[in-house]
N, C-alpha and C. Protein backbone atom coordinates (compact mmCIF):
# COMPACT_ATOMS: atom_id res chain seq x y z
N UNK A 1 -32.36 -90.95 -5.65
CA UNK A 1 -33.11 -89.84 -4.87
C UNK A 1 -33.46 -88.76 -5.79
N UNK A 2 -34.76 -88.42 -5.80
CA UNK A 2 -35.21 -87.26 -6.69
C UNK A 2 -36.12 -86.42 -5.94
N UNK A 3 -36.01 -85.13 -6.12
CA UNK A 3 -36.96 -84.12 -5.64
C UNK A 3 -38.45 -84.38 -5.71
N UNK A 4 -38.65 -84.77 -7.02
CA UNK A 4 -40.14 -85.01 -7.56
C UNK A 4 -40.80 -86.11 -6.83
N UNK A 5 -40.00 -86.97 -5.91
CA UNK A 5 -40.85 -88.00 -5.16
C UNK A 5 -40.85 -87.73 -3.75
N UNK A 6 -40.31 -86.50 -3.28
CA UNK A 6 -40.25 -86.09 -1.94
C UNK A 6 -41.48 -85.31 -1.49
N UNK A 7 -41.92 -85.37 -0.37
CA UNK A 7 -43.23 -84.51 0.06
C UNK A 7 -42.68 -83.59 1.10
N UNK A 8 -41.92 -82.78 0.85
CA UNK A 8 -41.47 -81.77 1.90
C UNK A 8 -41.48 -80.31 1.41
N UNK A 9 -41.10 -79.43 2.43
CA UNK A 9 -41.26 -77.80 1.94
C UNK A 9 -40.45 -77.49 1.02
N UNK A 10 -39.04 -77.68 0.99
CA UNK A 10 -38.12 -77.12 0.10
C UNK A 10 -38.22 -77.61 -1.43
N UNK A 11 -37.79 -76.77 -2.30
CA UNK A 11 -37.87 -77.20 -3.68
C UNK A 11 -36.79 -77.82 -4.16
N UNK A 12 -35.88 -78.38 -3.26
CA UNK A 12 -34.54 -78.95 -3.62
C UNK A 12 -34.33 -80.14 -2.44
N UNK A 13 -33.37 -80.91 -2.87
CA UNK A 13 -32.86 -81.83 -1.89
C UNK A 13 -31.25 -82.19 -2.11
N UNK A 14 -30.50 -81.95 -1.17
CA UNK A 14 -29.06 -82.06 -1.22
C UNK A 14 -28.72 -83.66 -1.76
N UNK A 15 -29.76 -84.49 -1.68
CA UNK A 15 -29.30 -85.85 -1.92
C UNK A 15 -30.02 -86.16 -3.46
N UNK A 16 -30.28 -85.24 -4.19
CA UNK A 16 -30.52 -85.51 -5.55
C UNK A 16 -29.53 -86.35 -6.21
N UNK A 17 -30.03 -87.47 -6.81
CA UNK A 17 -29.07 -88.29 -7.63
C UNK A 17 -28.45 -89.32 -6.82
N UNK A 18 -28.64 -89.37 -5.33
CA UNK A 18 -28.01 -90.36 -4.67
C UNK A 18 -28.79 -91.74 -4.84
N UNK A 19 -28.17 -92.70 -4.86
CA UNK A 19 -28.80 -94.07 -4.83
C UNK A 19 -29.09 -94.51 -3.49
N UNK A 20 -30.34 -94.94 -3.16
CA UNK A 20 -30.80 -95.29 -1.82
C UNK A 20 -31.14 -96.81 -1.76
N UNK A 21 -31.01 -97.41 -0.55
CA UNK A 21 -31.36 -98.79 -0.37
C UNK A 21 -32.40 -98.65 0.67
N UNK A 22 -33.65 -99.18 0.20
CA UNK A 22 -34.87 -99.35 1.05
C UNK A 22 -35.50 -97.93 1.00
N UNK A 23 -36.75 -98.01 1.46
CA UNK A 23 -37.62 -96.74 1.46
C UNK A 23 -38.77 -97.03 2.43
N UNK A 24 -39.24 -96.00 3.14
CA UNK A 24 -40.34 -96.34 4.05
C UNK A 24 -41.59 -96.46 3.23
N UNK A 25 -42.51 -97.48 3.64
CA UNK A 25 -43.72 -97.72 2.95
C UNK A 25 -44.92 -97.35 3.90
N UNK A 26 -44.73 -97.24 4.97
CA UNK A 26 -45.83 -96.81 5.92
C UNK A 26 -45.30 -95.84 7.12
N UNK A 27 -46.19 -94.84 7.33
CA UNK A 27 -45.88 -94.02 8.48
C UNK A 27 -46.96 -93.93 9.40
N UNK A 28 -46.65 -94.19 10.73
CA UNK A 28 -47.59 -94.04 11.80
C UNK A 28 -47.44 -92.85 12.66
N UNK A 29 -48.56 -92.35 12.96
CA UNK A 29 -48.54 -91.25 14.11
C UNK A 29 -49.43 -91.57 15.19
N UNK A 30 -48.83 -91.75 16.30
CA UNK A 30 -49.59 -92.17 17.52
C UNK A 30 -50.45 -93.56 17.25
N UNK A 31 -49.89 -94.40 16.55
CA UNK A 31 -50.64 -95.59 16.22
C UNK A 31 -51.53 -95.64 15.04
N UNK A 32 -51.74 -94.52 14.46
CA UNK A 32 -52.62 -94.41 13.12
C UNK A 32 -51.88 -94.36 11.94
N UNK A 33 -52.01 -95.06 10.97
CA UNK A 33 -51.45 -95.01 9.65
C UNK A 33 -51.79 -93.71 8.91
N UNK A 34 -50.77 -92.80 8.60
CA UNK A 34 -51.03 -91.88 7.81
C UNK A 34 -50.46 -91.71 6.46
N UNK A 35 -49.64 -92.70 6.16
CA UNK A 35 -49.11 -92.80 4.86
C UNK A 35 -48.96 -94.30 4.49
N UNK A 36 -49.55 -94.69 3.55
CA UNK A 36 -49.25 -96.19 3.11
C UNK A 36 -48.97 -96.27 1.71
N UNK A 37 -48.04 -97.10 1.50
CA UNK A 37 -47.53 -97.13 -0.03
C UNK A 37 -47.44 -95.88 -0.70
N UNK A 38 -46.88 -94.93 0.02
CA UNK A 38 -46.63 -93.66 -0.59
C UNK A 38 -47.74 -92.71 -0.77
N UNK A 39 -48.91 -93.11 -0.31
CA UNK A 39 -50.00 -92.32 -0.31
C UNK A 39 -50.45 -91.73 0.99
N UNK A 40 -50.77 -90.38 0.93
CA UNK A 40 -51.36 -89.85 2.26
C UNK A 40 -52.79 -90.35 2.52
N UNK A 41 -52.90 -91.15 3.66
CA UNK A 41 -54.30 -91.65 3.98
C UNK A 41 -54.83 -91.12 5.34
N UNK A 42 -53.91 -90.25 5.98
CA UNK A 42 -54.28 -89.74 7.38
C UNK A 42 -55.58 -88.74 7.18
N UNK A 43 -56.26 -88.62 8.37
CA UNK A 43 -57.35 -87.81 8.50
C UNK A 43 -56.93 -86.38 8.45
N UNK A 44 -57.60 -85.45 7.78
CA UNK A 44 -57.36 -83.96 7.87
C UNK A 44 -57.63 -83.52 9.34
N UNK A 45 -56.86 -82.94 9.93
CA UNK A 45 -56.92 -82.31 11.32
C UNK A 45 -56.59 -83.36 12.41
N UNK A 46 -56.11 -84.46 11.91
CA UNK A 46 -55.72 -85.32 12.93
C UNK A 46 -54.43 -85.07 13.61
N UNK A 47 -53.52 -84.27 12.91
CA UNK A 47 -52.26 -83.87 13.39
C UNK A 47 -52.27 -82.87 14.59
N UNK A 48 -51.22 -82.68 15.18
CA UNK A 48 -51.13 -81.81 16.36
C UNK A 48 -49.74 -81.11 16.39
N UNK A 49 -49.71 -79.67 16.44
CA UNK A 49 -48.45 -78.90 16.42
C UNK A 49 -47.96 -79.02 17.90
N UNK A 50 -46.73 -79.38 17.92
CA UNK A 50 -46.04 -79.46 19.21
C UNK A 50 -45.07 -78.24 19.28
N UNK A 51 -45.30 -77.20 20.04
CA UNK A 51 -44.47 -76.08 19.92
C UNK A 51 -43.18 -76.44 20.92
N UNK A 52 -42.01 -75.89 20.37
CA UNK A 52 -40.88 -76.02 21.09
C UNK A 52 -39.89 -75.08 20.86
N UNK A 53 -38.88 -74.97 21.64
CA UNK A 53 -37.75 -73.91 21.44
C UNK A 53 -36.84 -74.50 20.12
N UNK A 54 -36.23 -73.71 19.59
CA UNK A 54 -35.38 -74.10 18.45
C UNK A 54 -34.16 -74.90 19.00
N UNK A 55 -33.84 -75.76 18.21
CA UNK A 55 -32.74 -76.81 18.71
C UNK A 55 -31.42 -76.02 18.68
N UNK A 56 -30.56 -76.30 19.62
CA UNK A 56 -29.19 -75.52 19.64
C UNK A 56 -28.39 -75.84 18.48
N UNK A 57 -28.73 -76.96 17.72
CA UNK A 57 -28.13 -77.25 16.38
C UNK A 57 -28.42 -76.30 15.33
N UNK A 58 -29.55 -75.57 15.37
CA UNK A 58 -30.10 -74.60 14.48
C UNK A 58 -29.32 -73.26 14.62
N UNK A 59 -28.69 -73.07 15.79
CA UNK A 59 -27.92 -71.69 16.02
C UNK A 59 -26.70 -71.68 15.28
N UNK A 60 -26.23 -70.48 14.75
CA UNK A 60 -24.93 -70.38 14.19
C UNK A 60 -23.78 -70.73 15.16
N UNK A 61 -22.90 -71.23 14.65
CA UNK A 61 -21.62 -71.59 15.66
C UNK A 61 -20.99 -70.40 16.20
N UNK A 62 -21.04 -69.28 15.39
CA UNK A 62 -20.45 -68.02 16.03
C UNK A 62 -21.38 -66.97 15.34
N UNK A 63 -21.53 -65.67 15.92
CA UNK A 63 -22.30 -64.74 15.44
C UNK A 63 -21.89 -64.25 14.15
N UNK A 64 -22.90 -63.93 13.31
CA UNK A 64 -22.65 -63.42 11.92
C UNK A 64 -22.56 -61.95 12.05
N UNK A 65 -21.38 -61.40 11.69
CA UNK A 65 -21.24 -59.93 11.70
C UNK A 65 -20.80 -59.60 10.34
N UNK A 66 -20.63 -58.26 10.02
CA UNK A 66 -20.06 -57.67 8.81
C UNK A 66 -18.66 -58.34 8.58
N UNK A 67 -17.89 -58.57 9.59
CA UNK A 67 -16.46 -58.89 9.49
C UNK A 67 -16.40 -60.57 9.03
N UNK A 68 -17.35 -61.22 9.70
CA UNK A 68 -17.35 -62.65 9.46
C UNK A 68 -18.05 -62.94 8.21
N UNK A 69 -18.96 -62.08 7.73
CA UNK A 69 -19.71 -62.31 6.39
C UNK A 69 -18.75 -61.96 5.23
N UNK A 70 -17.82 -60.98 5.42
CA UNK A 70 -16.93 -60.67 4.46
C UNK A 70 -15.50 -60.44 5.02
N UNK A 71 -14.84 -61.58 5.36
CA UNK A 71 -13.56 -61.30 6.01
C UNK A 71 -12.75 -60.46 5.12
N UNK A 72 -11.64 -59.68 5.78
CA UNK A 72 -10.73 -58.86 5.22
C UNK A 72 -9.87 -59.67 4.04
N UNK A 73 -9.81 -59.19 2.89
CA UNK A 73 -9.13 -59.82 2.01
C UNK A 73 -9.91 -60.79 0.97
N UNK A 74 -11.07 -61.05 1.48
CA UNK A 74 -11.85 -61.95 0.75
C UNK A 74 -12.74 -61.45 -0.38
N UNK A 75 -12.79 -62.01 -1.50
CA UNK A 75 -13.69 -61.49 -2.52
C UNK A 75 -15.08 -61.45 -2.17
N UNK A 76 -15.90 -60.37 -2.52
CA UNK A 76 -17.24 -60.40 -2.06
C UNK A 76 -18.07 -60.53 -3.40
């Protein structure tokens, strides 16, 4: 896996250097091919933003405060 072959927002991947088996070759959106053989072939404007609330998994497990950010005795 290498960042230079991925098409996503971040400039890194935590999977850099991992060996993978298999790779998607076609992506469909509502029955329309949008990626074929690694090339974007979808029509501009064909997508649709679906607004939704943030996932509960995106929330911190506990609130971040000054004491949890720098616990007593920890080096800062």
